[in-house]
Amino acid sequence: MDCKERLQAYFQEHDVPFETATHPEAYTAQKVAGALHVSGHQLAKVVMVWAGDDLTMTVVRASDRVDLQHAADVLGVDQVRLAQEAEFAGRFDDCKLGAMPPFGNLYDLPVVVDPAMTECGEIVFSAGTYSDSMKIAYSEFERLVQPQVAKLVFDQPIAAPTSRATWSGSATAADASWLALFPVALSSPQLRMGRAGGLCLATGTRHEGA
């Protein structure tokens, strides 16, 4: 069972509505933003760190960087450092490296979420490959994962793409208004999703930076 299949089974077991999306292959959070034609400020990325002696999954917006020194203070440890890919690759044997979903609980890992993520109505995340994503309500993510919420970002956000995505599927009046404001050519990636409002995308990162 690959990562996407595992997630689908997990959501079905816990009665969590979910949707899926495909896009051209991309290997960093910012490049995923470009592939989806979505602002990087709407995306979140998974950053693997060592918090003291504990391998930890952190989740922040793609346009933000984890401030390692301040994160150590917030988490109450002597040091937080970026984990090297070789240090966590074995934990994620059902998905491609850098395409991990933010469900550390499925991999016996603690999850720490920056407060900015909690403001998202929905969260979209990598589903184990460089071209598959899934979406659920943030409230469902919180119910399943029960992450620690701690401020991880203290510096200025990095630059992010400013283009928009086309969302296909059932649309409410609010969705129609959103799409009318941001029309996109039919050649854009087709995403099997509904409402775009309040969207955040959580994707694994090849550690282009915290």
N, C-alpha and C. Protein backbone atom coordinates (compact mmCIF):
# COMPACT_ATOMS: atom_id res chain seq x y z
N MET A 1 0.85 -1.20 0.00
CA MET A 1 0.00 0.00 0.00
C MET A 1 0.88 1.24 0.00
N ASP A 2 0.69 2.10 -1.01
CA ASP A 2 1.51 3.31 -1.04
C ASP A 2 0.91 4.38 -0.14
N CYS A 3 1.58 5.53 -0.06
CA CYS A 3 1.16 6.59 0.86
C CYS A 3 -0.25 7.08 0.58
N LYS A 4 -0.55 7.33 -0.68
CA LYS A 4 -1.87 7.85 -1.02
C LYS A 4 -2.97 6.87 -0.65
N GLU A 5 -2.74 5.60 -0.95
CA GLU A 5 -3.73 4.58 -0.59
C GLU A 5 -3.88 4.47 0.92
N ARG A 6 -2.77 4.59 1.63
CA ARG A 6 -2.81 4.54 3.09
C ARG A 6 -3.62 5.69 3.65
N LEU A 7 -3.41 6.87 3.10
CA LEU A 7 -4.16 8.04 3.57
C LEU A 7 -5.65 7.89 3.26
N GLN A 8 -5.97 7.43 2.07
CA GLN A 8 -7.38 7.25 1.71
C GLN A 8 -8.06 6.28 2.66
N ALA A 9 -7.40 5.17 2.96
CA ALA A 9 -7.96 4.19 3.89
C ALA A 9 -8.11 4.78 5.29
N TYR A 10 -7.13 5.57 5.69
CA TYR A 10 -7.15 6.20 7.02
C TYR A 10 -8.31 7.17 7.13
N PHE A 11 -8.52 7.99 6.11
CA PHE A 11 -9.61 8.95 6.13
C PHE A 11 -10.96 8.25 6.11
N GLN A 12 -11.09 7.21 5.31
CA GLN A 12 -12.34 6.48 5.24
C GLN A 12 -12.65 5.81 6.57
N GLU A 13 -11.62 5.27 7.22
CA GLU A 13 -11.81 4.64 8.52
C GLU A 13 -12.33 5.62 9.56
N HIS A 14 -11.89 6.88 9.46
CA HIS A 14 -12.27 7.90 10.45
C HIS A 14 -13.34 8.86 9.93
N ASP A 15 -14.00 8.47 8.84
CA ASP A 15 -15.11 9.26 8.29
C ASP A 15 -14.70 10.70 7.99
N VAL A 16 -13.56 10.87 7.36
CA VAL A 16 -13.05 12.19 7.00
C VAL A 16 -13.26 12.43 5.50
N PRO A 17 -14.06 13.41 5.11
CA PRO A 17 -14.19 13.74 3.68
C PRO A 17 -12.84 14.23 3.14
N PHE A 18 -12.49 13.81 1.96
CA PHE A 18 -11.23 14.25 1.37
C PHE A 18 -11.39 14.39 -0.14
N GLU A 19 -10.50 15.16 -0.72
CA GLU A 19 -10.44 15.35 -2.16
C GLU A 19 -9.00 15.22 -2.62
N THR A 20 -8.82 14.97 -3.90
CA THR A 20 -7.48 14.75 -4.43
C THR A 20 -7.17 15.71 -5.56
N ALA A 21 -5.88 15.89 -5.84
CA ALA A 21 -5.44 16.77 -6.92
C ALA A 21 -4.18 16.20 -7.54
N THR A 22 -3.98 16.49 -8.82
CA THR A 22 -2.73 16.13 -9.49
C THR A 22 -2.15 17.38 -10.13
N HIS A 23 -0.83 17.41 -10.29
CA HIS A 23 -0.15 18.56 -10.88
C HIS A 23 1.17 18.08 -11.46
N PRO A 24 1.82 18.87 -12.29
CA PRO A 24 3.14 18.49 -12.80
C PRO A 24 4.11 18.25 -11.64
N GLU A 25 5.06 17.36 -11.84
CA GLU A 25 6.00 17.05 -10.78
C GLU A 25 6.74 18.30 -10.31
N ALA A 26 6.86 18.43 -8.98
CA ALA A 26 7.57 19.55 -8.37
C ALA A 26 8.22 19.03 -7.10
N TYR A 27 9.41 19.57 -6.78
CA TYR A 27 10.22 18.98 -5.73
C TYR A 27 10.43 19.87 -4.50
N THR A 28 9.92 21.07 -4.52
CA THR A 28 9.96 21.93 -3.34
C THR A 28 8.59 22.57 -3.17
N ALA A 29 8.33 23.08 -1.98
CA ALA A 29 7.03 23.70 -1.72
C ALA A 29 6.76 24.86 -2.66
N GLN A 30 7.77 25.68 -2.90
CA GLN A 30 7.57 26.83 -3.77
C GLN A 30 7.32 26.40 -5.21
N LYS A 31 8.00 25.34 -5.66
CA LYS A 31 7.77 24.86 -7.02
C LYS A 31 6.41 24.19 -7.16
N VAL A 32 5.94 23.57 -6.09
CA VAL A 32 4.57 23.04 -6.11
C VAL A 32 3.58 24.19 -6.27
N ALA A 33 3.86 25.30 -5.58
CA ALA A 33 3.00 26.48 -5.73
C ALA A 33 2.92 26.90 -7.18
N GLY A 34 4.08 26.93 -7.84
CA GLY A 34 4.09 27.30 -9.24
C GLY A 34 3.35 26.29 -10.10
N ALA A 35 3.53 25.00 -9.83
CA ALA A 35 2.87 23.96 -10.62
C ALA A 35 1.35 24.04 -10.49
N LEU A 36 0.88 24.42 -9.32
CA LEU A 36 -0.55 24.52 -9.08
C LEU A 36 -1.10 25.91 -9.39
N HIS A 37 -0.20 26.87 -9.72
CA HIS A 37 -0.61 28.26 -9.94
C HIS A 37 -1.35 28.80 -8.72
N VAL A 38 -0.78 28.54 -7.55
CA VAL A 38 -1.34 29.00 -6.27
C VAL A 38 -0.29 29.84 -5.56
N SER A 39 -0.71 30.91 -4.91
CA SER A 39 0.22 31.73 -4.14
C SER A 39 0.93 30.90 -3.09
N GLY A 40 2.25 31.11 -2.98
CA GLY A 40 3.01 30.41 -1.96
C GLY A 40 2.55 30.73 -0.55
N HIS A 41 1.88 31.87 -0.37
CA HIS A 41 1.36 32.23 0.95
C HIS A 41 0.18 31.36 1.34
N GLN A 42 -0.39 30.62 0.39
CA GLN A 42 -1.51 29.72 0.69
C GLN A 42 -1.03 28.30 0.98
N LEU A 43 0.25 28.03 0.78
CA LEU A 43 0.78 26.68 0.95
C LEU A 43 1.49 26.52 2.28
N ALA A 44 1.60 25.27 2.69
CA ALA A 44 2.41 24.97 3.87
C ALA A 44 3.36 23.85 3.50
N LYS A 45 4.46 23.77 4.20
CA LYS A 45 5.45 22.73 3.91
C LYS A 45 5.80 21.96 5.17
N VAL A 46 6.19 20.73 4.96
CA VAL A 46 6.68 19.87 6.04
C VAL A 46 8.19 20.05 6.12
N VAL A 47 8.69 20.38 7.30
CA VAL A 47 10.13 20.52 7.52
C VAL A 47 10.51 19.58 8.67
N MET A 48 11.39 18.64 8.37
CA MET A 48 11.83 17.69 9.39
C MET A 48 13.00 18.28 10.17
N VAL A 49 12.89 18.24 11.49
CA VAL A 49 13.93 18.79 12.36
C VAL A 49 14.22 17.83 13.50
N TRP A 50 15.35 18.04 14.12
CA TRP A 50 15.64 17.42 15.40
C TRP A 50 15.39 18.46 16.48
N ALA A 51 14.44 18.18 17.35
CA ALA A 51 14.16 19.05 18.50
C ALA A 51 14.78 18.37 19.71
N GLY A 52 15.99 18.79 20.04
CA GLY A 52 16.75 18.05 21.04
C GLY A 52 17.10 16.69 20.46
N ASP A 53 16.67 15.62 21.14
CA ASP A 53 16.94 14.25 20.67
C ASP A 53 15.79 13.66 19.89
N ASP A 54 14.74 14.44 19.65
CA ASP A 54 13.53 13.91 19.02
C ASP A 54 13.41 14.35 17.57
N LEU A 55 13.31 13.38 16.65
CA LEU A 55 13.00 13.69 15.27
C LEU A 55 11.56 14.18 15.22
N THR A 56 11.35 15.35 14.67
CA THR A 56 10.05 16.02 14.75
C THR A 56 9.62 16.55 13.39
N MET A 57 8.33 16.43 13.10
CA MET A 57 7.76 16.98 11.87
C MET A 57 7.15 18.34 12.18
N THR A 58 7.65 19.38 11.52
CA THR A 58 7.05 20.70 11.68
C THR A 58 6.29 21.05 10.41
N VAL A 59 5.23 21.83 10.56
CA VAL A 59 4.39 22.21 9.42
C VAL A 59 4.23 23.73 9.44
N VAL A 60 4.71 24.37 8.38
CA VAL A 60 4.63 25.83 8.25
C VAL A 60 4.18 26.17 6.83
N ARG A 61 3.80 27.43 6.62
CA ARG A 61 3.43 27.86 5.28
C ARG A 61 4.67 27.87 4.38
N ALA A 62 4.44 27.63 3.08
CA ALA A 62 5.56 27.60 2.14
C ALA A 62 6.31 28.92 2.09
N SER A 63 5.62 30.00 2.37
CA SER A 63 6.25 31.32 2.31
C SER A 63 7.00 31.67 3.59
N ASP A 64 7.02 30.77 4.57
CA ASP A 64 7.69 31.02 5.84
C ASP A 64 8.90 30.12 6.02
N ARG A 65 9.78 30.51 6.92
CA ARG A 65 10.94 29.70 7.32
C ARG A 65 10.88 29.45 8.82
N VAL A 66 11.26 28.25 9.21
CA VAL A 66 11.34 27.94 10.63
C VAL A 66 12.55 28.67 11.22
N ASP A 67 12.32 29.42 12.26
CA ASP A 67 13.41 30.09 12.99
C ASP A 67 13.90 29.09 14.03
N LEU A 68 15.01 28.43 13.73
CA LEU A 68 15.46 27.31 14.56
C LEU A 68 15.81 27.73 15.98
N GLN A 69 16.44 28.88 16.16
CA GLN A 69 16.83 29.32 17.49
C GLN A 69 15.60 29.61 18.36
N HIS A 70 14.66 30.36 17.79
CA HIS A 70 13.46 30.67 18.55
C HIS A 70 12.59 29.43 18.75
N ALA A 71 12.57 28.53 17.76
CA ALA A 71 11.80 27.30 17.90
C ALA A 71 12.31 26.48 19.08
N ALA A 72 13.62 26.47 19.27
CA ALA A 72 14.18 25.75 20.41
C ALA A 72 13.67 26.32 21.72
N ASP A 73 13.60 27.65 21.81
CA ASP A 73 13.09 28.29 23.02
C ASP A 73 11.63 27.93 23.25
N VAL A 74 10.83 27.98 22.18
CA VAL A 74 9.39 27.70 22.29
C VAL A 74 9.14 26.25 22.66
N LEU A 75 9.95 25.34 22.10
CA LEU A 75 9.74 23.92 22.34
C LEU A 75 10.44 23.43 23.61
N GLY A 76 11.21 24.32 24.24
CA GLY A 76 11.84 23.96 25.50
C GLY A 76 12.98 22.97 25.37
N VAL A 77 13.75 23.06 24.28
CA VAL A 77 14.90 22.19 24.08
C VAL A 77 16.14 23.05 23.88
N ASP A 78 17.32 22.42 24.02
CA ASP A 78 18.57 23.18 23.89
C ASP A 78 18.83 23.58 22.45
N GLN A 79 18.42 22.74 21.50
CA GLN A 79 18.73 23.02 20.10
C GLN A 79 17.67 22.42 19.18
N VAL A 80 17.35 23.15 18.12
CA VAL A 80 16.56 22.61 17.01
C VAL A 80 17.40 22.77 15.76
N ARG A 81 17.58 21.69 15.03
CA ARG A 81 18.35 21.75 13.79
C ARG A 81 17.61 21.01 12.69
N LEU A 82 17.87 21.38 11.45
CA LEU A 82 17.29 20.68 10.32
C LEU A 82 17.79 19.24 10.29
N ALA A 83 16.89 18.31 10.03
CA ALA A 83 17.28 16.92 9.86
C ALA A 83 17.79 16.69 8.44
N GLN A 84 18.82 15.90 8.31
CA GLN A 84 19.32 15.52 7.00
C GLN A 84 18.41 14.43 6.42
N GLU A 85 18.27 14.41 5.09
CA GLU A 85 17.37 13.44 4.47
C GLU A 85 17.72 12.01 4.86
N ALA A 86 19.01 11.72 4.99
CA ALA A 86 19.43 10.36 5.35
C ALA A 86 18.97 9.98 6.76
N GLU A 87 18.67 10.98 7.59
CA GLU A 87 18.27 10.71 8.97
C GLU A 87 16.81 10.35 9.10
N PHE A 88 16.00 10.66 8.08
CA PHE A 88 14.57 10.34 8.20
C PHE A 88 14.01 9.55 7.02
N ALA A 89 14.82 9.29 6.02
CA ALA A 89 14.32 8.59 4.83
C ALA A 89 13.68 7.25 5.19
N GLY A 90 14.26 6.53 6.13
CA GLY A 90 13.75 5.22 6.50
C GLY A 90 12.39 5.25 7.17
N ARG A 91 11.98 6.40 7.68
CA ARG A 91 10.68 6.52 8.34
C ARG A 91 9.53 6.56 7.33
N PHE A 92 9.83 6.95 6.12
CA PHE A 92 8.78 7.18 5.13
C PHE A 92 8.96 6.25 3.93
N ASP A 93 8.87 4.95 4.19
CA ASP A 93 9.15 3.97 3.15
C ASP A 93 8.00 3.80 2.16
N ASP A 94 6.86 4.46 2.41
CA ASP A 94 5.72 4.34 1.50
C ASP A 94 5.53 5.59 0.64
N CYS A 95 6.45 6.54 0.72
CA CYS A 95 6.32 7.74 -0.10
C CYS A 95 7.69 8.23 -0.53
N LYS A 96 7.71 9.07 -1.54
CA LYS A 96 8.96 9.59 -2.05
C LYS A 96 9.53 10.64 -1.10
N LEU A 97 10.83 10.65 -1.01
CA LEU A 97 11.50 11.59 -0.11
C LEU A 97 11.18 13.02 -0.50
N GLY A 98 10.72 13.80 0.48
CA GLY A 98 10.34 15.18 0.22
C GLY A 98 8.89 15.33 -0.13
N ALA A 99 8.14 14.23 -0.21
CA ALA A 99 6.71 14.29 -0.53
C ALA A 99 5.88 13.73 0.62
N MET A 100 6.39 13.89 1.84
CA MET A 100 5.71 13.33 3.00
C MET A 100 4.47 14.14 3.36
N PRO A 101 3.39 13.47 3.73
CA PRO A 101 2.21 14.18 4.22
C PRO A 101 2.46 14.63 5.66
N PRO A 102 1.70 15.60 6.15
CA PRO A 102 1.95 16.13 7.50
C PRO A 102 1.31 15.29 8.61
N PHE A 103 1.21 13.99 8.37
CA PHE A 103 0.60 13.09 9.35
C PHE A 103 1.70 12.30 10.06
N GLY A 104 2.47 13.00 10.87
CA GLY A 104 3.55 12.35 11.59
C GLY A 104 3.06 11.24 12.51
N ASN A 105 1.81 11.34 12.96
CA ASN A 105 1.26 10.32 13.83
C ASN A 105 1.25 8.95 13.16
N LEU A 106 1.17 8.90 11.82
CA LEU A 106 1.19 7.63 11.10
C LEU A 106 2.59 7.04 11.03
N TYR A 107 3.58 7.85 11.38
CA TYR A 107 4.97 7.41 11.31
C TYR A 107 5.65 7.49 12.67
N ASP A 108 4.84 7.53 13.73
CA ASP A 108 5.35 7.60 15.10
C ASP A 108 6.25 8.80 15.31
N LEU A 109 5.83 9.94 14.78
CA LEU A 109 6.58 11.18 14.92
C LEU A 109 5.70 12.27 15.52
N PRO A 110 6.24 13.09 16.42
CA PRO A 110 5.48 14.24 16.92
C PRO A 110 5.34 15.28 15.81
N VAL A 111 4.23 16.00 15.83
CA VAL A 111 3.96 17.02 14.82
C VAL A 111 3.77 18.36 15.52
N VAL A 112 4.49 19.39 15.05
CA VAL A 112 4.36 20.74 15.58
C VAL A 112 3.91 21.64 14.44
N VAL A 113 2.83 22.38 14.66
CA VAL A 113 2.23 23.22 13.63
C VAL A 113 2.36 24.69 14.03
N ASP A 114 2.80 25.52 13.07
CA ASP A 114 2.84 26.95 13.34
C ASP A 114 1.41 27.49 13.40
N PRO A 115 1.12 28.45 14.29
CA PRO A 115 -0.25 28.96 14.44
C PRO A 115 -0.87 29.47 13.15
N ALA A 116 -0.07 29.95 12.20
CA ALA A 116 -0.63 30.44 10.95
C ALA A 116 -1.41 29.35 10.22
N MET A 117 -1.00 28.09 10.39
CA MET A 117 -1.69 26.99 9.73
C MET A 117 -3.08 26.76 10.30
N THR A 118 -3.26 27.06 11.56
CA THR A 118 -4.56 26.80 12.20
C THR A 118 -5.64 27.73 11.68
N GLU A 119 -5.24 28.79 10.97
CA GLU A 119 -6.21 29.73 10.42
C GLU A 119 -6.79 29.26 9.09
N CYS A 120 -6.26 28.16 8.57
CA CYS A 120 -6.73 27.64 7.28
C CYS A 120 -8.01 26.83 7.48
N GLY A 121 -9.00 27.12 6.69
CA GLY A 121 -10.22 26.32 6.74
C GLY A 121 -9.98 24.92 6.23
N GLU A 122 -9.14 24.80 5.21
CA GLU A 122 -8.80 23.52 4.62
C GLU A 122 -7.30 23.42 4.45
N ILE A 123 -6.79 22.21 4.48
CA ILE A 123 -5.36 22.00 4.29
C ILE A 123 -5.18 20.96 3.19
N VAL A 124 -4.31 21.30 2.24
CA VAL A 124 -3.97 20.40 1.14
C VAL A 124 -2.52 20.00 1.32
N PHE A 125 -2.23 18.72 1.12
CA PHE A 125 -0.90 18.23 1.45
C PHE A 125 -0.44 17.20 0.44
N SER A 126 0.86 17.02 0.40
CA SER A 126 1.46 16.00 -0.46
C SER A 126 0.97 14.63 -0.05
N ALA A 127 0.73 13.79 -1.06
CA ALA A 127 0.22 12.44 -0.80
C ALA A 127 1.23 11.38 -1.20
N GLY A 128 2.50 11.67 -0.98
CA GLY A 128 3.51 10.66 -1.16
C GLY A 128 4.26 10.67 -2.47
N THR A 129 3.83 11.49 -3.43
CA THR A 129 4.56 11.63 -4.69
C THR A 129 4.76 13.11 -4.97
N TYR A 130 5.49 13.40 -6.03
CA TYR A 130 5.75 14.79 -6.39
C TYR A 130 4.64 15.38 -7.24
N SER A 131 3.58 14.62 -7.48
CA SER A 131 2.50 15.13 -8.33
C SER A 131 1.11 14.84 -7.78
N ASP A 132 1.00 14.32 -6.56
CA ASP A 132 -0.30 14.02 -5.95
C ASP A 132 -0.48 14.82 -4.67
N SER A 133 -1.67 15.39 -4.51
CA SER A 133 -2.03 16.11 -3.29
C SER A 133 -3.42 15.71 -2.86
N MET A 134 -3.72 15.92 -1.59
CA MET A 134 -5.05 15.65 -1.04
C MET A 134 -5.47 16.84 -0.19
N LYS A 135 -6.79 16.94 0.02
CA LYS A 135 -7.33 18.05 0.80
C LYS A 135 -8.34 17.56 1.82
N ILE A 136 -8.20 18.04 3.06
CA ILE A 136 -9.21 17.82 4.08
C ILE A 136 -9.38 19.11 4.87
N ALA A 137 -10.42 19.19 5.68
CA ALA A 137 -10.61 20.34 6.55
C ALA A 137 -9.51 20.35 7.62
N TYR A 138 -9.03 21.55 7.97
CA TYR A 138 -8.00 21.63 9.00
C TYR A 138 -8.51 21.04 10.31
N SER A 139 -9.78 21.24 10.60
CA SER A 139 -10.34 20.71 11.85
C SER A 139 -10.23 19.19 11.91
N GLU A 140 -10.37 18.53 10.75
CA GLU A 140 -10.22 17.08 10.71
C GLU A 140 -8.75 16.69 10.90
N PHE A 141 -7.86 17.43 10.27
CA PHE A 141 -6.44 17.20 10.47
C PHE A 141 -6.08 17.31 11.95
N GLU A 142 -6.58 18.34 12.60
CA GLU A 142 -6.30 18.55 14.02
C GLU A 142 -6.86 17.41 14.86
N ARG A 143 -8.05 16.95 14.51
CA ARG A 143 -8.68 15.84 15.25
C ARG A 143 -7.86 14.56 15.13
N LEU A 144 -7.38 14.29 13.94
CA LEU A 144 -6.64 13.05 13.71
C LEU A 144 -5.23 13.10 14.28
N VAL A 145 -4.52 14.21 14.04
CA VAL A 145 -3.10 14.30 14.38
C VAL A 145 -2.88 14.80 15.80
N GLN A 146 -3.75 15.70 16.28
CA GLN A 146 -3.58 16.34 17.58
C GLN A 146 -2.17 16.93 17.72
N PRO A 147 -1.82 17.83 16.80
CA PRO A 147 -0.46 18.38 16.81
C PRO A 147 -0.25 19.38 17.94
N GLN A 148 0.99 19.58 18.29
CA GLN A 148 1.35 20.70 19.17
C GLN A 148 1.35 21.95 18.32
N VAL A 149 0.75 23.01 18.82
CA VAL A 149 0.75 24.29 18.11
C VAL A 149 1.75 25.20 18.81
N ALA A 150 2.76 25.63 18.07
CA ALA A 150 3.81 26.48 18.65
C ALA A 150 4.34 27.40 17.57
N LYS A 151 4.67 28.61 17.94
CA LYS A 151 5.16 29.58 16.97
C LYS A 151 6.56 29.20 16.52
N LEU A 152 6.67 28.88 15.24
CA LEU A 152 7.93 28.44 14.67
C LEU A 152 8.55 29.48 13.76
N VAL A 153 7.75 30.45 13.34
CA VAL A 153 8.19 31.43 12.34
C VAL A 153 8.28 32.80 12.99
N PHE A 154 9.44 33.42 12.90
CA PHE A 154 9.63 34.74 13.50
C PHE A 154 10.22 35.74 12.52
N ASP A 155 10.78 35.24 11.40
CA ASP A 155 11.41 36.15 10.45
C ASP A 155 10.43 36.51 9.34
N GLN A 156 10.89 37.27 8.36
CA GLN A 156 10.05 37.69 7.26
C GLN A 156 9.82 36.54 6.30
N PRO A 157 8.64 36.43 5.70
CA PRO A 157 8.38 35.37 4.74
C PRO A 157 9.23 35.53 3.50
N ILE A 158 9.53 34.40 2.85
CA ILE A 158 10.26 34.43 1.59
C ILE A 158 9.31 34.73 0.46
N ALA A 159 9.86 35.11 -0.69
CA ALA A 159 9.02 35.45 -1.83
C ALA A 159 8.21 34.24 -2.26
N ALA A 160 7.00 34.50 -2.78
CA ALA A 160 6.12 33.41 -3.19
C ALA A 160 5.48 33.73 -4.53
N PRO A 161 5.16 32.69 -5.33
CA PRO A 161 4.46 32.92 -6.58
C PRO A 161 3.12 33.59 -6.33
N THR A 162 2.66 34.37 -7.26
CA THR A 162 1.42 35.11 -7.06
C THR A 162 0.29 34.67 -7.97
N SER A 163 0.51 33.64 -8.81
CA SER A 163 -0.54 33.19 -9.71
C SER A 163 -1.60 32.40 -8.96
N ARG A 164 -2.73 32.15 -9.63
CA ARG A 164 -3.85 31.47 -9.00
C ARG A 164 -4.15 30.15 -9.70
N ALA A 165 -4.86 29.26 -9.02
CA ALA A 165 -5.22 27.96 -9.58
C ALA A 165 -6.68 27.95 -10.00
N THR A 166 -7.00 27.06 -10.94
CA THR A 166 -8.39 26.80 -11.29
C THR A 166 -8.83 25.56 -10.53
N TRP A 167 -9.94 25.66 -9.85
CA TRP A 167 -10.45 24.53 -9.06
C TRP A 167 -11.69 23.98 -9.76
N SER A 168 -11.69 22.69 -10.03
CA SER A 168 -12.84 22.08 -10.68
C SER A 168 -13.59 21.22 -9.68
N GLY A 169 -14.87 21.00 -9.95
CA GLY A 169 -15.72 20.24 -9.04
C GLY A 169 -16.94 21.07 -8.72
N SER A 170 -17.71 20.63 -7.73
CA SER A 170 -18.91 21.37 -7.37
C SER A 170 -18.53 22.73 -6.82
N ALA A 171 -19.30 23.76 -7.16
CA ALA A 171 -18.99 25.12 -6.73
C ALA A 171 -20.20 25.77 -6.11
N THR A 172 -19.99 26.46 -5.00
CA THR A 172 -21.04 27.23 -4.37
C THR A 172 -21.04 28.62 -4.98
N ALA A 173 -21.97 29.46 -4.56
CA ALA A 173 -22.01 30.83 -5.04
C ALA A 173 -20.73 31.56 -4.68
N ALA A 174 -20.22 31.29 -3.47
CA ALA A 174 -18.97 31.93 -3.05
C ALA A 174 -17.82 31.49 -3.95
N ASP A 175 -17.78 30.19 -4.31
CA ASP A 175 -16.74 29.71 -5.19
C ASP A 175 -16.84 30.38 -6.55
N ALA A 176 -18.06 30.54 -7.04
CA ALA A 176 -18.25 31.16 -8.35
C ALA A 176 -17.71 32.58 -8.35
N SER A 177 -17.92 33.29 -7.25
CA SER A 177 -17.41 34.65 -7.15
C SER A 177 -15.90 34.65 -7.16
N TRP A 178 -15.29 33.70 -6.44
CA TRP A 178 -13.84 33.62 -6.40
C TRP A 178 -13.27 33.34 -7.78
N LEU A 179 -13.90 32.39 -8.50
CA LEU A 179 -13.40 32.04 -9.82
C LEU A 179 -13.59 33.18 -10.81
N ALA A 180 -14.66 33.96 -10.63
CA ALA A 180 -14.89 35.10 -11.52
C ALA A 180 -13.80 36.15 -11.34
N LEU A 181 -13.28 36.25 -10.11
CA LEU A 181 -12.24 37.23 -9.85
C LEU A 181 -10.90 36.80 -10.41
N PHE A 182 -10.67 35.47 -10.45
CA PHE A 182 -9.38 34.97 -10.88
C PHE A 182 -9.54 33.92 -11.97
N PRO A 183 -9.96 34.30 -13.19
CA PRO A 183 -10.09 33.33 -14.27
C PRO A 183 -8.73 32.82 -14.71
N VAL A 184 -8.67 31.52 -15.04
CA VAL A 184 -7.43 30.91 -15.48
C VAL A 184 -7.69 30.09 -16.73
N ALA A 185 -6.73 30.05 -17.66
CA ALA A 185 -6.91 29.33 -18.91
C ALA A 185 -7.13 27.85 -18.66
N LEU A 186 -7.81 27.18 -19.61
CA LEU A 186 -8.12 25.76 -19.46
C LEU A 186 -6.87 24.90 -19.47
N SER A 187 -5.75 25.44 -19.89
CA SER A 187 -4.52 24.66 -19.91
C SER A 187 -3.92 24.49 -18.53
N SER A 188 -4.47 25.16 -17.51
CA SER A 188 -3.95 25.05 -16.16
C SER A 188 -4.17 23.64 -15.63
N PRO A 189 -3.36 23.21 -14.62
CA PRO A 189 -3.55 21.88 -14.04
C PRO A 189 -4.99 21.73 -13.56
N GLN A 190 -5.61 20.58 -13.85
CA GLN A 190 -6.97 20.33 -13.43
C GLN A 190 -6.96 19.63 -12.08
N LEU A 191 -7.58 20.23 -11.11
CA LEU A 191 -7.57 19.72 -9.75
C LEU A 191 -8.97 19.27 -9.40
N ARG A 192 -9.09 18.03 -8.93
CA ARG A 192 -10.40 17.50 -8.60
C ARG A 192 -10.78 17.98 -7.22
N MET A 193 -11.15 19.27 -7.13
CA MET A 193 -11.45 19.87 -5.84
C MET A 193 -12.63 20.80 -5.95
N GLY A 194 -13.17 21.18 -4.81
CA GLY A 194 -14.28 22.11 -4.77
C GLY A 194 -13.84 23.47 -4.33
N ARG A 195 -14.27 23.90 -3.16
CA ARG A 195 -14.03 25.26 -2.71
C ARG A 195 -12.55 25.59 -2.60
N ALA A 196 -12.18 26.77 -3.06
CA ALA A 196 -10.79 27.19 -2.99
C ALA A 196 -10.54 28.13 -1.83
N GLY A 197 -11.59 28.70 -1.25
CA GLY A 197 -11.40 29.67 -0.18
C GLY A 197 -10.72 29.06 1.03
N GLY A 198 -9.82 29.82 1.63
CA GLY A 198 -9.16 29.39 2.85
C GLY A 198 -8.21 28.23 2.64
N LEU A 199 -7.70 28.05 1.44
CA LEU A 199 -6.89 26.89 1.12
C LEU A 199 -5.45 27.05 1.58
N CYS A 200 -4.89 25.99 2.13
CA CYS A 200 -3.48 25.91 2.40
C CYS A 200 -2.98 24.58 1.88
N LEU A 201 -1.78 24.55 1.35
CA LEU A 201 -1.23 23.32 0.79
C LEU A 201 -0.02 22.90 1.60
N ALA A 202 -0.08 21.70 2.14
CA ALA A 202 1.05 21.18 2.90
C ALA A 202 1.77 20.19 2.03
N THR A 203 3.00 20.45 1.76
CA THR A 203 3.78 19.55 0.92
C THR A 203 5.12 19.30 1.55
N GLY A 204 5.64 18.12 1.35
CA GLY A 204 6.99 17.84 1.81
C GLY A 204 7.97 18.74 1.09
N THR A 205 9.14 18.92 1.65
CA THR A 205 10.13 19.80 1.03
C THR A 205 11.46 19.09 0.93
N ARG A 206 12.17 19.32 -0.16
CA ARG A 206 13.51 18.77 -0.31
C ARG A 206 14.51 19.60 0.49
N HIS A 207 14.01 20.31 1.50
CA HIS A 207 14.82 21.14 2.38
C HIS A 207 15.56 22.22 1.62
N GLU A 208 14.78 22.96 0.83
CA GLU A 208 15.34 24.14 0.19
C GLU A 208 15.67 25.19 1.22
N GLY A 209 15.26 24.95 2.44
CA GLY A 209 15.50 25.85 3.58
C GLY A 209 14.39 25.65 4.56
N ALA A 210 14.65 25.95 5.81
CA ALA A 210 13.63 25.74 6.82
C ALA A 210 12.48 26.67 6.61
